[in-house]
Amino acid sequence: MLFMIIERFRNGNPGPVYERFETRGRMIPEGVEYINSVVTDDLQTCYQVMKCDDRQLLDIWISNWDDLVDFEVIKVMTSREAHKIVMEPK
């Protein structure tokens, strides 16, 4: 399963997140795969795509960061997967 993770930096400050990342890494549990991320040009919000089969593993990862970031988690699919669903004969 793919998940879009929307991270809003607390107090609009990404500094503490990057500092922790530098010292402790991404801190994702085994079974969660980081795919990619982008950050808005105002440095307020990060969008990450993560892959895992167990949504609870994401909660473990989130617990490592939720003192610095407000999270929104959305289950997503690839465009190819969406196309297949939409175009399947009914």
PDB file of N, CA and C in Angstrom:
ATOM      1  N   MET A   1       0.832  -1.170   0.000  1.00  0.00           N
ATOM      2  CA  MET A   1       0.000   0.000   0.000  1.00  0.00           C
ATOM      3  C   MET A   1       0.883   1.241   0.000  1.00  0.00           C
ATOM      4  N   LEU A   2       0.414   2.248  -0.705  1.00  0.00           N
ATOM      5  CA  LEU A   2       1.098   3.533  -0.726  1.00  0.00           C
ATOM      6  C   LEU A   2       0.335   4.534   0.132  1.00  0.00           C
ATOM      7  N   PHE A   3       1.086   5.398   0.792  1.00  0.00           N
ATOM      8  CA  PHE A   3       0.491   6.431   1.622  1.00  0.00           C
ATOM      9  C   PHE A   3       1.144   7.769   1.307  1.00  0.00           C
ATOM     10  N   MET A   4       0.311   8.790   1.154  1.00  0.00           N
ATOM     11  CA  MET A   4       0.799  10.166   1.057  1.00  0.00           C
ATOM     12  C   MET A   4       0.775  10.711   2.474  1.00  0.00           C
ATOM     13  N   ILE A   5       1.919  11.152   2.932  1.00  0.00           N
ATOM     14  CA  ILE A   5       2.048  11.709   4.265  1.00  0.00           C
ATOM     15  C   ILE A   5       2.224  13.216   4.111  1.00  0.00           C
ATOM     16  N   ILE A   6       1.302  13.964   4.671  1.00  0.00           N
ATOM     17  CA  ILE A   6       1.414  15.420   4.652  1.00  0.00           C
ATOM     18  C   ILE A   6       1.902  15.844   6.028  1.00  0.00           C
ATOM     19  N   GLU A   7       3.051  16.488   6.044  1.00  0.00           N
ATOM     20  CA  GLU A   7       3.674  16.930   7.291  1.00  0.00           C
ATOM     21  C   GLU A   7       3.656  18.448   7.335  1.00  0.00           C
ATOM     22  N   ARG A   8       3.086  18.981   8.385  1.00  0.00           N
ATOM     23  CA  ARG A   8       3.113  20.426   8.597  1.00  0.00           C
ATOM     24  C   ARG A   8       4.015  20.684   9.808  1.00  0.00           C
ATOM     25  N   PHE A   9       5.096  21.419   9.547  1.00  0.00           N
ATOM     26  CA  PHE A   9       6.090  21.665  10.588  1.00  0.00           C
ATOM     27  C   PHE A   9       5.494  22.540  11.695  1.00  0.00           C
ATOM     28  N   ARG A  10       5.649  22.099  12.933  1.00  0.00           N
ATOM     29  CA  ARG A  10       5.118  22.860  14.076  1.00  0.00           C
ATOM     30  C   ARG A  10       5.732  24.247  14.111  1.00  0.00           C
ATOM     31  N   ASN A  11       4.905  25.209  14.377  1.00  0.00           N
ATOM     32  CA  ASN A  11       5.317  26.624  14.438  1.00  0.00           C
ATOM     33  C   ASN A  11       5.955  27.089  13.128  1.00  0.00           C
ATOM     34  N   GLY A  12       5.676  26.363  12.035  1.00  0.00           N
ATOM     35  CA  GLY A  12       6.246  26.737  10.744  1.00  0.00           C
ATOM     36  C   GLY A  12       7.755  26.638  10.702  1.00  0.00           C
ATOM     37  N   ASN A  13       8.318  25.810  11.579  1.00  0.00           N
ATOM     38  CA  ASN A  13       9.775  25.744  11.716  1.00  0.00           C
ATOM     39  C   ASN A  13      10.294  24.355  11.346  1.00  0.00           C
ATOM     40  N   PRO A  14      10.904  24.206  10.167  1.00  0.00           N
ATOM     41  CA  PRO A  14      11.445  22.907   9.779  1.00  0.00           C
ATOM     42  C   PRO A  14      12.800  22.583  10.409  1.00  0.00           C
ATOM     43  N   GLY A  15      13.435  23.566  11.036  1.00  0.00           N
ATOM     44  CA  GLY A  15      14.779  23.372  11.588  1.00  0.00           C
ATOM     45  C   GLY A  15      14.911  22.170  12.512  1.00  0.00           C
ATOM     46  N   PRO A  16      14.056  22.038  13.525  1.00  0.00           N
ATOM     47  CA  PRO A  16      14.194  20.900  14.432  1.00  0.00           C
ATOM     48  C   PRO A  16      14.029  19.541  13.735  1.00  0.00           C
ATOM     49  N   VAL A  17      13.216  19.494  12.687  1.00  0.00           N
ATOM     50  CA  VAL A  17      13.034  18.239  11.944  1.00  0.00           C
ATOM     51  C   VAL A  17      14.324  17.866  11.235  1.00  0.00           C
ATOM     52  N   TYR A  18      14.923  18.831  10.556  1.00  0.00           N
ATOM     53  CA  TYR A  18      16.163  18.545   9.833  1.00  0.00           C
ATOM     54  C   TYR A  18      17.315  18.246  10.789  1.00  0.00           C
ATOM     55  N   GLU A  19      17.319  18.900  11.949  1.00  0.00           N
ATOM     56  CA  GLU A  19      18.360  18.605  12.943  1.00  0.00           C
ATOM     57  C   GLU A  19      18.247  17.166  13.444  1.00  0.00           C
ATOM     58  N   ARG A  20      17.023  16.726  13.760  1.00  0.00           N
ATOM     59  CA  ARG A  20      16.832  15.348  14.222  1.00  0.00           C
ATOM     60  C   ARG A  20      17.189  14.368  13.109  1.00  0.00           C
ATOM     61  N   PHE A  21      16.781  14.684  11.881  1.00  0.00           N
ATOM     62  CA  PHE A  21      17.097  13.811  10.757  1.00  0.00           C
ATOM     63  C   PHE A  21      18.609  13.653  10.607  1.00  0.00           C
ATOM     64  N   GLU A  22      19.341  14.740  10.776  1.00  0.00           N
ATOM     65  CA  GLU A  22      20.805  14.689  10.660  1.00  0.00           C
ATOM     66  C   GLU A  22      21.425  13.791  11.714  1.00  0.00           C
ATOM     67  N   THR A  23      20.880  13.778  12.914  1.00  0.00           N
ATOM     68  CA  THR A  23      21.486  13.002  13.990  1.00  0.00           C
ATOM     69  C   THR A  23      20.935  11.588  14.111  1.00  0.00           C
ATOM     70  N   ARG A  24      19.653  11.385  13.734  1.00  0.00           N
ATOM     71  CA  ARG A  24      19.026  10.087  13.967  1.00  0.00           C
ATOM     72  C   ARG A  24      18.499   9.396  12.714  1.00  0.00           C
ATOM     73  N   GLY A  25      18.570  10.079  11.571  1.00  0.00           N
ATOM     74  CA  GLY A  25      18.073   9.486  10.333  1.00  0.00           C
ATOM     75  C   GLY A  25      16.557   9.536  10.253  1.00  0.00           C
ATOM     76  N   ARG A  26      16.010   8.791   9.324  1.00  0.00           N
ATOM     77  CA  ARG A  26      14.568   8.818   9.068  1.00  0.00           C
ATOM     78  C   ARG A  26      13.770   8.085  10.149  1.00  0.00           C
ATOM     79  N   MET A  27      14.385   7.167  10.836  1.00  0.00           N
ATOM     80  CA  MET A  27      13.782   6.409  11.931  1.00  0.00           C
ATOM     81  C   MET A  27      12.512   5.661  11.499  1.00  0.00           C
ATOM     82  N   ILE A  28      12.558   5.028  10.338  1.00  0.00           N
ATOM     83  CA  ILE A  28      11.405   4.237   9.916  1.00  0.00           C
ATOM     84  C   ILE A  28      11.605   2.787  10.329  1.00  0.00           C
ATOM     85  N   PRO A  29      10.540   2.157  10.789  1.00  0.00           N
ATOM     86  CA  PRO A  29      10.659   0.756  11.188  1.00  0.00           C
ATOM     87  C   PRO A  29      10.794  -0.161   9.981  1.00  0.00           C
ATOM     88  N   GLU A  30      11.329  -1.334  10.202  1.00  0.00           N
ATOM     89  CA  GLU A  30      11.403  -2.342   9.148  1.00  0.00           C
ATOM     90  C   GLU A  30       9.984  -2.613   8.660  1.00  0.00           C
ATOM     91  N   GLY A  31       9.839  -2.698   7.350  1.00  0.00           N
ATOM     92  CA  GLY A  31       8.522  -2.915   6.764  1.00  0.00           C
ATOM     93  C   GLY A  31       7.920  -1.653   6.171  1.00  0.00           C
ATOM     94  N   VAL A  32       8.556  -0.501   6.419  1.00  0.00           N
ATOM     95  CA  VAL A  32       8.126   0.761   5.819  1.00  0.00           C
ATOM     96  C   VAL A  32       9.217   1.201   4.857  1.00  0.00           C
ATOM     97  N   GLU A  33       8.804   1.546   3.656  1.00  0.00           N
ATOM     98  CA  GLU A  33       9.760   1.997   2.634  1.00  0.00           C
ATOM     99  C   GLU A  33       9.480   3.452   2.273  1.00  0.00           C
ATOM    100  N   TYR A  34      10.494   4.286   2.419  1.00  0.00           N
ATOM    101  CA  TYR A  34      10.425   5.683   1.982  1.00  0.00           C
ATOM    102  C   TYR A  34      10.565   5.694   0.462  1.00  0.00           C
ATOM    103  N   ILE A  35       9.631   6.362  -0.224  1.00  0.00           N
ATOM    104  CA  ILE A  35       9.686   6.437  -1.685  1.00  0.00           C
ATOM    105  C   ILE A  35      10.280   7.767  -2.137  1.00  0.00           C
ATOM    106  N   ASN A  36       9.692   8.868  -1.693  1.00  0.00           N
ATOM    107  CA  ASN A  36      10.166  10.180  -2.114  1.00  0.00           C
ATOM    108  C   ASN A  36       9.486  11.247  -1.270  1.00  0.00           C
ATOM    109  N   SER A  37      10.028  12.463  -1.328  1.00  0.00           N
ATOM    110  CA  SER A  37       9.377  13.577  -0.649  1.00  0.00           C
ATOM    111  C   SER A  37       9.701  14.883  -1.352  1.00  0.00           C
ATOM    112  N   VAL A  38       8.809  15.845  -1.165  1.00  0.00           N
ATOM    113  CA  VAL A  38       9.009  17.211  -1.651  1.00  0.00           C
ATOM    114  C   VAL A  38       8.555  18.154  -0.549  1.00  0.00           C
ATOM    115  N   VAL A  39       9.120  19.354  -0.557  1.00  0.00           N
ATOM    116  CA  VAL A  39       8.807  20.363   0.446  1.00  0.00           C
ATOM    117  C   VAL A  39       8.371  21.628  -0.277  1.00  0.00           C
ATOM    118  N   THR A  40       7.347  22.278   0.250  1.00  0.00           N
ATOM    119  CA  THR A  40       6.895  23.532  -0.352  1.00  0.00           C
ATOM    120  C   THR A  40       7.998  24.581  -0.270  1.00  0.00           C
ATOM    121  N   ASP A  41       7.970  25.519  -1.210  1.00  0.00           N
ATOM    122  CA  ASP A  41       9.060  26.493  -1.254  1.00  0.00           C
ATOM    123  C   ASP A  41       9.055  27.480  -0.091  1.00  0.00           C
ATOM    124  N   ASP A  42       7.978  27.508   0.687  1.00  0.00           N
ATOM    125  CA  ASP A  42       7.971  28.333   1.897  1.00  0.00           C
ATOM    126  C   ASP A  42       8.443  27.547   3.131  1.00  0.00           C
ATOM    127  N   LEU A  43       8.860  26.294   2.914  1.00  0.00           N
ATOM    128  CA  LEU A  43       9.389  25.420   3.966  1.00  0.00           C
ATOM    129  C   LEU A  43       8.396  25.174   5.103  1.00  0.00           C
ATOM    130  N   GLN A  44       7.112  25.137   4.781  1.00  0.00           N
ATOM    131  CA  GLN A  44       6.081  24.923   5.789  1.00  0.00           C
ATOM    132  C   GLN A  44       5.552  23.491   5.808  1.00  0.00           C
ATOM    133  N   THR A  45       5.561  22.831   4.631  1.00  0.00           N
ATOM    134  CA  THR A  45       4.906  21.537   4.486  1.00  0.00           C
ATOM    135  C   THR A  45       5.766  20.585   3.671  1.00  0.00           C
ATOM    136  N   CYS A  46       5.802  19.332   4.119  1.00  0.00           N
ATOM    137  CA  CYS A  46       6.506  18.274   3.394  1.00  0.00           C
ATOM    138  C   CYS A  46       5.486  17.222   2.981  1.00  0.00           C
ATOM    139  N   TYR A  47       5.599  16.747   1.756  1.00  0.00           N
ATOM    140  CA  TYR A  47       4.755  15.674   1.239  1.00  0.00           C
ATOM    141  C   TYR A  47       5.647  14.465   0.996  1.00  0.00           C
ATOM    142  N   GLN A  48       5.342  13.370   1.673  1.00  0.00           N
ATOM    143  CA  GLN A  48       6.138  12.158   1.520  1.00  0.00           C
ATOM    144  C   GLN A  48       5.259  11.029   1.017  1.00  0.00           C
ATOM    145  N   VAL A  49       5.860  10.170   0.216  1.00  0.00           N
ATOM    146  CA  VAL A  49       5.192   8.938  -0.181  1.00  0.00           C
ATOM    147  C   VAL A  49       5.933   7.796   0.492  1.00  0.00           C
ATOM    148  N   MET A  50       5.176   6.976   1.210  1.00  0.00           N
ATOM    149  CA  MET A  50       5.725   5.823   1.918  1.00  0.00           C
ATOM    150  C   MET A  50       4.957   4.587   1.470  1.00  0.00           C
ATOM    151  N   LYS A  51       5.631   3.457   1.518  1.00  0.00           N
ATOM    152  CA  LYS A  51       5.024   2.188   1.140  1.00  0.00           C
ATOM    153  C   LYS A  51       5.125   1.228   2.311  1.00  0.00           C
ATOM    154  N   CYS A  52       4.008   0.576   2.639  1.00  0.00           N
ATOM    155  CA  CYS A  52       4.030  -0.467   3.659  1.00  0.00           C
ATOM    156  C   CYS A  52       2.731  -1.259   3.594  1.00  0.00           C
ATOM    157  N   ASP A  53       2.769  -2.455   4.112  1.00  0.00           N
ATOM    158  CA  ASP A  53       1.594  -3.318   4.123  1.00  0.00           C
ATOM    159  C   ASP A  53       0.824  -3.233   5.429  1.00  0.00           C
ATOM    160  N   ASP A  54       1.396  -2.614   6.439  1.00  0.00           N
ATOM    161  CA  ASP A  54       0.776  -2.541   7.756  1.00  0.00           C
ATOM    162  C   ASP A  54       0.712  -1.085   8.197  1.00  0.00           C
ATOM    163  N   ARG A  55      -0.468  -0.495   8.152  1.00  0.00           N
ATOM    164  CA  ARG A  55      -0.657   0.919   8.499  1.00  0.00           C
ATOM    165  C   ARG A  55      -0.131   1.230   9.897  1.00  0.00           C
ATOM    166  N   GLN A  56      -0.167   0.268  10.807  1.00  0.00           N
ATOM    167  CA  GLN A  56       0.314   0.493  12.169  1.00  0.00           C
ATOM    168  C   GLN A  56       1.813   0.797  12.208  1.00  0.00           C
ATOM    169  N   LEU A  57       2.550   0.290  11.224  1.00  0.00           N
ATOM    170  CA  LEU A  57       3.982   0.609  11.166  1.00  0.00           C
ATOM    171  C   LEU A  57       4.198   2.101  10.909  1.00  0.00           C
ATOM    172  N   LEU A  58       3.304   2.712  10.133  1.00  0.00           N
ATOM    173  CA  LEU A  58       3.407   4.155   9.922  1.00  0.00           C
ATOM    174  C   LEU A  58       3.206   4.910  11.230  1.00  0.00           C
ATOM    175  N   ASP A  59       2.304   4.415  12.071  1.00  0.00           N
ATOM    176  CA  ASP A  59       2.074   5.062  13.354  1.00  0.00           C
ATOM    177  C   ASP A  59       3.317   5.019  14.236  1.00  0.00           C
ATOM    178  N   ILE A  60       4.074   3.943  14.148  1.00  0.00           N
ATOM    179  CA  ILE A  60       5.338   3.855  14.889  1.00  0.00           C
ATOM    180  C   ILE A  60       6.292   4.932  14.393  1.00  0.00           C
ATOM    181  N   TRP A  61       6.406   5.056  13.081  1.00  0.00           N
ATOM    182  CA  TRP A  61       7.279   6.083  12.498  1.00  0.00           C
ATOM    183  C   TRP A  61       6.800   7.477  12.900  1.00  0.00           C
ATOM    184  N   ILE A  62       5.490   7.720  12.791  1.00  0.00           N
ATOM    185  CA  ILE A  62       4.929   9.026  13.145  1.00  0.00           C
ATOM    186  C   ILE A  62       5.240   9.374  14.593  1.00  0.00           C
ATOM    187  N   SER A  63       5.192   8.393  15.479  1.00  0.00           N
ATOM    188  CA  SER A  63       5.442   8.658  16.899  1.00  0.00           C
ATOM    189  C   SER A  63       6.863   9.167  17.143  1.00  0.00           C
ATOM    190  N   ASN A  64       7.777   8.909  16.223  1.00  0.00           N
ATOM    191  CA  ASN A  64       9.147   9.408  16.339  1.00  0.00           C
ATOM    192  C   ASN A  64       9.262  10.890  15.994  1.00  0.00           C
ATOM    193  N   TRP A  65       8.222  11.445  15.363  1.00  0.00           N
ATOM    194  CA  TRP A  65       8.284  12.801  14.845  1.00  0.00           C
ATOM    195  C   TRP A  65       7.127  13.690  15.291  1.00  0.00           C
ATOM    196  N   ASP A  66       6.118  13.134  15.929  1.00  0.00           N
ATOM    197  CA  ASP A  66       4.902  13.915  16.144  1.00  0.00           C
ATOM    198  C   ASP A  66       5.033  15.028  17.179  1.00  0.00           C
ATOM    199  N   ASP A  67       6.179  15.131  17.823  1.00  0.00           N
ATOM    200  CA  ASP A  67       6.414  16.283  18.686  1.00  0.00           C
ATOM    201  C   ASP A  67       6.872  17.504  17.886  1.00  0.00           C
ATOM    202  N   LEU A  68       7.263  17.269  16.624  1.00  0.00           N
ATOM    203  CA  LEU A  68       7.762  18.350  15.770  1.00  0.00           C
ATOM    204  C   LEU A  68       6.877  18.625  14.563  1.00  0.00           C
ATOM    205  N   VAL A  69       5.994  17.685  14.240  1.00  0.00           N
ATOM    206  CA  VAL A  69       5.243  17.734  12.989  1.00  0.00           C
ATOM    207  C   VAL A  69       3.791  17.328  13.238  1.00  0.00           C
ATOM    208  N   ASP A  70       2.873  17.993  12.552  1.00  0.00           N
ATOM    209  CA  ASP A  70       1.480  17.548  12.506  1.00  0.00           C
ATOM    210  C   ASP A  70       1.304  16.734  11.231  1.00  0.00           C
ATOM    211  N   PHE A  71       0.726  15.538  11.353  1.00  0.00           N
ATOM    212  CA  PHE A  71       0.642  14.593  10.250  1.00  0.00           C
ATOM    213  C   PHE A  71      -0.783  14.409   9.744  1.00  0.00           C
ATOM    214  N   GLU A  72      -0.877  14.222   8.443  1.00  0.00           N
ATOM    215  CA  GLU A  72      -2.098  13.734   7.802  1.00  0.00           C
ATOM    216  C   GLU A  72      -1.668  12.566   6.921  1.00  0.00           C
ATOM    217  N   VAL A  73      -2.359  11.432   7.025  1.00  0.00           N
ATOM    218  CA  VAL A  73      -2.000  10.230   6.278  1.00  0.00           C
ATOM    219  C   VAL A  73      -3.152   9.872   5.360  1.00  0.00           C
ATOM    220  N   ILE A  74      -2.847   9.718   4.069  1.00  0.00           N
ATOM    221  CA  ILE A  74      -3.863   9.414   3.069  1.00  0.00           C
ATOM    222  C   ILE A  74      -3.411   8.197   2.267  1.00  0.00           C
ATOM    223  N   LYS A  75      -4.244   7.173   2.232  1.00  0.00           N
ATOM    224  CA  LYS A  75      -3.934   6.010   1.398  1.00  0.00           C
ATOM    225  C   LYS A  75      -4.133   6.423  -0.063  1.00  0.00           C
ATOM    226  N   VAL A  76      -3.136   6.127  -0.908  1.00  0.00           N
ATOM    227  CA  VAL A  76      -3.178   6.515  -2.315  1.00  0.00           C
ATOM    228  C   VAL A  76      -2.823   5.313  -3.194  1.00  0.00           C
ATOM    229  N   MET A  77      -2.946   5.514  -4.489  1.00  0.00           N
ATOM    230  CA  MET A  77      -2.534   4.500  -5.462  1.00  0.00           C
ATOM    231  C   MET A  77      -1.833   5.212  -6.606  1.00  0.00           C
ATOM    232  N   THR A  78      -1.126   4.448  -7.412  1.00  0.00           N
ATOM    233  CA  THR A  78      -0.464   5.038  -8.566  1.00  0.00           C
ATOM    234  C   THR A  78      -1.502   5.409  -9.618  1.00  0.00           C
ATOM    235  N   SER A  79      -1.126   6.277 -10.515  1.00  0.00           N
ATOM    236  CA  SER A  79      -2.016   6.642 -11.624  1.00  0.00           C
ATOM    237  C   SER A  79      -2.328   5.426 -12.488  1.00  0.00           C
ATOM    238  N   ARG A  80      -1.353   4.573 -12.666  1.00  0.00           N
ATOM    239  CA  ARG A  80      -1.556   3.350 -13.446  1.00  0.00           C
ATOM    240  C   ARG A  80      -2.631   2.475 -12.811  1.00  0.00           C
ATOM    241  N   GLU A  81      -2.572   2.320 -11.478  1.00  0.00           N
ATOM    242  CA  GLU A  81      -3.583   1.531 -10.769  1.00  0.00           C
ATOM    243  C   GLU A  81      -4.969   2.163 -10.901  1.00  0.00           C
ATOM    244  N   ALA A  82      -5.039   3.477 -10.785  1.00  0.00           N
ATOM    245  CA  ALA A  82      -6.319   4.177 -10.918  1.00  0.00           C
ATOM    246  C   ALA A  82      -6.876   4.000 -12.325  1.00  0.00           C
ATOM    247  N   HIS A  83      -6.023   4.124 -13.321  1.00  0.00           N
ATOM    248  CA  HIS A  83      -6.449   3.939 -14.707  1.00  0.00           C
ATOM    249  C   HIS A  83      -7.056   2.562 -14.914  1.00  0.00           C
ATOM    250  N   LYS A  84      -6.394   1.555 -14.387  1.00  0.00           N
ATOM    251  CA  LYS A  84      -6.882   0.188 -14.536  1.00  0.00           C
ATOM    252  C   LYS A  84      -8.275   0.023 -13.915  1.00  0.00           C
ATOM    253  N   ILE A  85      -8.467   0.584 -12.715  1.00  0.00           N
ATOM    254  CA  ILE A  85      -9.755   0.478 -12.045  1.00  0.00           C
ATOM    255  C   ILE A  85     -10.843   1.191 -12.846  1.00  0.00           C
ATOM    256  N   VAL A  86     -10.539   2.385 -13.307  1.00  0.00           N
ATOM    257  CA  VAL A  86     -11.529   3.186 -14.028  1.00  0.00           C
ATOM    258  C   VAL A  86     -11.884   2.549 -15.367  1.00  0.00           C
ATOM    259  N   MET A  87     -10.905   1.986 -16.029  1.00  0.00           N
ATOM    260  CA  MET A  87     -11.115   1.491 -17.385  1.00  0.00           C
ATOM    261  C   MET A  87     -11.515   0.020 -17.453  1.00  0.00           C
ATOM    262  N   GLU A  88     -11.556  -0.687 -16.314  1.00  0.00           N
ATOM    263  CA  GLU A  88     -11.979  -2.092 -16.326  1.00  0.00           C
ATOM    264  C   GLU A  88     -13.409  -2.184 -16.809  1.00  0.00           C
ATOM    265  N   PRO A  89     -13.678  -3.183 -17.648  1.00  0.00           N
ATOM    266  CA  PRO A  89     -15.065  -3.390 -18.068  1.00  0.00           C
ATOM    267  C   PRO A  89     -15.931  -3.733 -16.862  1.00  0.00           C
ATOM    268  N   LYS A  90     -17.136  -3.231 -16.885  1.00  0.00           N
ATOM    269  CA  LYS A  90     -18.030  -3.481 -15.748  1.00  0.00           C
ATOM    270  C   LYS A  90     -19.030  -4.555 -16.086  1.00  0.00           C
TER     271      LYS A  90
END
